[in-house]
Protein backbone atom coordinates (compact mmCIF):
# COMPACT_ATOMS: atom_id res chain seq x y z
CA MET A 1 54.80 35.13 -20.55
CA MET A 2 57.83 34.92 -18.25
CA ASN A 3 55.85 36.60 -15.47
CA LEU A 4 53.15 33.94 -15.79
CA PHE A 5 55.63 31.07 -15.27
CA ALA A 6 57.21 32.86 -12.33
CA LYS A 7 53.99 32.92 -10.33
CA PRO A 8 53.59 30.15 -7.67
CA LYS A 9 49.90 29.92 -8.55
CA PHE A 10 50.77 28.79 -12.07
CA TYR A 11 52.97 25.96 -10.78
CA PHE A 12 50.24 24.80 -8.42
CA LEU A 13 47.62 24.76 -11.17
CA ALA A 14 49.98 22.88 -13.47
CA ILE A 15 51.34 20.30 -11.03
CA ALA A 16 48.29 19.54 -8.84
CA PRO A 17 46.29 17.84 -11.63
CA LEU A 18 49.32 15.69 -12.50
CA LEU A 19 49.74 14.53 -8.91
CA LEU A 20 46.02 13.79 -8.68
CA ALA A 21 46.10 11.82 -11.91
CA THR A 22 49.01 9.64 -10.76
CA ALA A 23 47.15 8.83 -7.54
CA ILE A 24 43.86 7.95 -9.27
CA PHE A 25 45.22 6.05 -12.27
CA ARG A 26 45.75 2.42 -11.19
CA ILE A 27 47.82 -0.29 -12.85
CA ASP A 28 48.94 -3.84 -12.05
CA CYS A 29 50.93 -4.11 -8.83
CA PRO A 30 54.63 -4.79 -9.62
CA VAL A 31 54.98 -7.04 -6.57
CA CYS A 32 52.21 -9.57 -7.31
CA PHE A 33 51.88 -8.72 -11.03
CA GLY A 34 48.17 -8.01 -10.65
CA LYS A 35 47.27 -11.28 -8.90
CA GLY A 36 46.61 -9.71 -5.48
CA SER A 37 48.59 -12.42 -3.70
CA VAL A 38 52.06 -13.95 -3.51
CA GLU A 39 53.27 -17.44 -2.74
CA GLY A 40 54.33 -17.57 0.88
CA ALA A 41 53.90 -21.13 2.17
CA LYS A 42 56.75 -23.65 2.11
CA ASN A 43 55.94 -27.37 2.46
CA MET A 44 52.83 -26.62 4.53
CA ASP A 45 50.96 -29.54 2.98
CA THR A 46 52.82 -31.89 5.35
CA VAL A 47 51.82 -30.01 8.53
CA ARG A 48 48.99 -31.55 10.54
CA ILE A 49 46.98 -29.98 13.35
CA VAL A 50 47.14 -32.49 16.23
CA ALA A 51 45.08 -30.70 18.89
CA VAL A 52 43.37 -27.35 19.50
CA GLU A 53 42.21 -25.78 22.76
CA PRO A 54 40.22 -22.68 21.63
CA ARG A 55 40.32 -20.63 24.86
CA ILE A 56 38.10 -17.74 23.72
CA LEU A 57 38.61 -14.87 26.18
CA ASP A 58 35.78 -12.43 25.43
CA SER A 59 33.48 -11.12 22.69
CA LEU A 60 32.26 -7.54 22.93
CA GLN A 61 30.12 -5.39 20.64
CA ASP A 62 30.90 -1.77 19.88
CA ALA A 63 27.63 0.17 19.92
CA CYS A 64 28.88 2.88 17.55
CA THR A 65 30.31 0.80 14.71
CA GLY A 66 28.41 -2.47 14.99
CA TYR A 67 31.65 -4.46 15.01
CA ILE A 68 32.03 -7.39 17.36
CA VAL A 69 35.59 -7.85 18.63
CA THR A 70 36.52 -11.30 19.90
CA LYS A 71 39.78 -12.17 21.63
CA ALA A 72 41.13 -15.70 21.84
CA ARG A 73 44.35 -17.38 22.90
CA PRO A 74 44.25 -20.79 21.22
CA HIS A 75 46.59 -23.57 22.34
CA ILE A 76 47.57 -25.25 19.06
CA THR A 77 49.67 -28.39 18.65
CA ALA A 78 50.98 -29.07 15.13
CA PHE A 79 53.20 -31.80 13.68
CA ASN A 80 55.29 -31.81 10.51
CA MET A 81 55.10 -35.33 9.07
CA GLY A 82 57.22 -34.46 6.04
CA PHE A 83 60.93 -34.87 5.33
CA GLU A 84 61.57 -31.15 4.83
CA ASP A 85 61.19 -28.11 7.09
CA SER A 86 57.94 -26.19 6.73
CA GLU A 87 57.17 -22.49 7.06
CA GLY A 88 53.99 -20.53 6.51
CA TRP A 89 50.73 -19.78 8.27
CA LEU A 90 47.81 -21.36 10.03
CA THR A 91 44.37 -19.99 9.22
CA VAL A 92 42.40 -19.42 12.42
CA MET A 93 38.65 -19.21 11.82
CA LEU A 94 36.10 -17.91 14.32
CA VAL A 95 32.96 -20.03 14.05
CA ASN A 96 29.41 -19.49 15.29
CA THR A 97 28.62 -23.02 16.46
CA ASP A 98 24.86 -22.38 16.46
CA SER A 99 24.77 -21.61 12.73
CA GLY A 100 28.06 -23.07 11.53
CA GLU A 101 28.94 -19.70 9.98
CA ILE A 102 32.60 -18.61 9.78
CA LEU A 103 32.53 -15.10 11.19
CA ALA A 104 36.14 -13.99 10.64
CA GLU A 105 39.62 -15.25 9.87
CA GLN A 106 43.11 -14.43 11.09
CA TYR A 107 46.54 -15.89 10.42
CA LEU A 108 49.31 -17.22 12.66
CA PRO A 109 52.88 -17.73 11.41
CA ILE A 110 54.49 -21.11 11.95
CA ALA A 111 57.93 -22.58 11.30
CA ILE A 112 58.33 -26.28 12.01
CA SER A 113 61.22 -28.63 11.34
CA THR A 114 60.78 -32.04 9.77
CA GLU A 115 59.17 -34.69 11.99
CA THR A 116 58.79 -32.15 14.80
CA THR A 117 55.88 -31.06 17.00
CA VAL A 118 55.37 -27.40 17.94
CA VAL A 119 52.91 -25.69 20.26
CA LEU A 120 51.53 -22.20 19.55
CA ASP A 121 49.99 -20.06 22.26
CA SER A 122 49.26 -16.66 20.67
CA LEU A 123 46.67 -13.95 21.19
CA VAL A 124 44.35 -13.69 18.18
CA ILE A 125 41.88 -10.80 17.71
CA PHE A 126 38.93 -11.04 15.35
CA ALA A 127 36.54 -8.33 14.21
CA PHE A 128 33.36 -8.80 12.21
CA TYR A 129 30.38 -6.62 11.41
CA SER A 130 27.00 -7.41 12.89
CA ALA A 131 23.91 -5.41 13.77
CA ASP A 132 22.85 -8.20 16.12
CA ILE A 133 24.06 -9.19 19.57
CA PRO A 134 27.27 -11.24 19.75
CA PRO A 135 26.80 -14.97 19.10
CA LYS A 136 26.54 -16.93 22.33
CA HIS A 137 28.51 -19.99 21.29
CA LEU A 138 31.85 -19.54 19.55
CA ASP A 139 34.59 -21.95 18.56
CA LEU A 140 37.83 -21.91 16.57
CA LYS A 141 38.68 -23.93 13.47
CA ILE A 142 42.34 -24.23 12.51
CA GLU A 143 43.70 -25.16 9.08
CA THR A 144 47.12 -25.02 7.44
CA LEU A 145 47.42 -22.38 4.73
CA THR A 146 49.02 -24.14 1.78
CA GLY A 147 48.39 -21.53 -0.91
CA SER A 148 49.21 -17.88 -1.44
CA VAL A 149 48.91 -14.95 0.97
CA PRO A 150 47.39 -11.50 0.35
CA ASP A 151 49.74 -8.89 -1.12
CA THR A 152 49.80 -6.13 1.48
CA THR A 153 51.37 -3.74 -1.06
CA CYS A 154 48.08 -3.47 -2.96
CA ASN A 155 45.81 -4.74 -0.14
CA GLY A 156 45.03 -7.79 -2.22
CA SER A 157 43.45 -5.79 -5.05
CA GLY A 158 46.23 -6.40 -7.57
CA LYS A 159 46.28 -2.69 -8.44
CA VAL A 160 48.35 0.27 -7.22
CA GLY A 161 48.34 3.95 -8.05
CA LEU A 162 50.77 5.14 -10.70
CA ASN A 163 52.45 7.28 -8.04
CA SER A 164 53.22 4.11 -6.01
CA TYR A 165 54.20 1.86 -8.90
CA PHE A 166 57.79 3.01 -9.37
CA LEU A 167 58.52 2.94 -5.63
CA ALA A 168 57.06 -0.57 -5.30
CA SER A 169 59.08 -1.71 -8.31
CA ALA A 170 62.32 -0.42 -6.82
CA PHE A 171 61.73 -2.16 -3.50
CA ARG A 172 60.05 -5.32 -4.78
CA SER A 173 62.49 -7.74 -3.12
CA LYS A 174 62.14 -6.03 0.25
CA LEU A 175 58.35 -5.92 -0.03
CA MET A 176 58.23 -9.62 -0.92
CA THR A 177 60.21 -10.43 2.23
CA GLU A 178 57.90 -8.32 4.39
CA ILE A 179 54.76 -9.87 2.89
CA ARG A 180 56.02 -13.39 3.53
CA SER A 181 56.80 -12.53 7.14
CA GLU A 182 53.51 -10.71 7.60
CA TYR A 183 50.81 -12.49 9.58
CA ASP A 184 48.39 -9.81 10.72
CA PHE A 185 46.48 -9.27 7.48
CA GLY A 186 43.79 -7.26 9.24
CA PRO A 187 40.17 -8.09 9.95
CA ASP A 188 38.02 -10.15 7.64
CA LEU A 189 35.17 -7.64 7.50
CA SER A 190 31.92 -7.87 5.59
CA HIS A 191 31.78 -4.09 5.37
CA GLY A 192 34.57 -1.62 4.66
CA GLU A 193 37.54 -1.52 2.33
CA PRO A 194 41.12 -0.87 3.51
CA GLY A 195 41.44 2.81 4.29
CA SER A 196 37.71 3.35 4.81
CA LYS A 197 36.22 4.59 8.07
CA GLU A 198 34.94 1.10 8.86
CA TRP A 199 38.39 -0.37 8.30
CA LEU A 200 40.05 2.23 10.51
CA ASP A 201 37.45 1.69 13.23
CA PHE A 202 38.80 -1.85 13.63
CA TYR A 203 42.19 -0.60 14.68
CA GLU A 204 40.61 1.65 17.29
CA LEU A 205 38.66 -1.31 18.67
CA ASN A 206 41.77 -3.43 18.50
CA ASN A 207 43.40 -1.17 21.08
CA TYR A 208 40.50 -0.53 23.44
């Protein structure tokens, strides 16, 4: 019996199934408590979008993946009409003006003092799946995000693997800080879950 336990093969056969089980078995995320999102906006209900200049740079289709990547550098003027400082995000929506369809969304961080106007001039990259040619007429729609933001710990699913649970629990405060300062939540894709080939293709297109 002692010889059996001394063999490396025995340890591999005993431990490998346990590691696999902890990766597959999923439980509520300890950061968002299974909700898939965390509160991140502060007094954003008093922020108003004063003016938007869309400035869409280009929209190109990738023949291999079917994704259409659109780059824009919107000129956004916002005003905080409240009596307290505000901090959070603006939701930037890419719109097909011919159909009125919202093709993709991205987020821009914003911090604005009370009764103050700020101007944002940031590069925003969208990616959306389409088997058709890129839409000819695009526009941007900007709204203040007053609710919660996706929990990047669990990719918004509310669930994590058992092998990640204890680590996420130990670093919950740090993860909460990172989530609330996070603004690039990734592409709003109709096809592909985080970690899938389609999802990873976006990041390749994002750096073409």
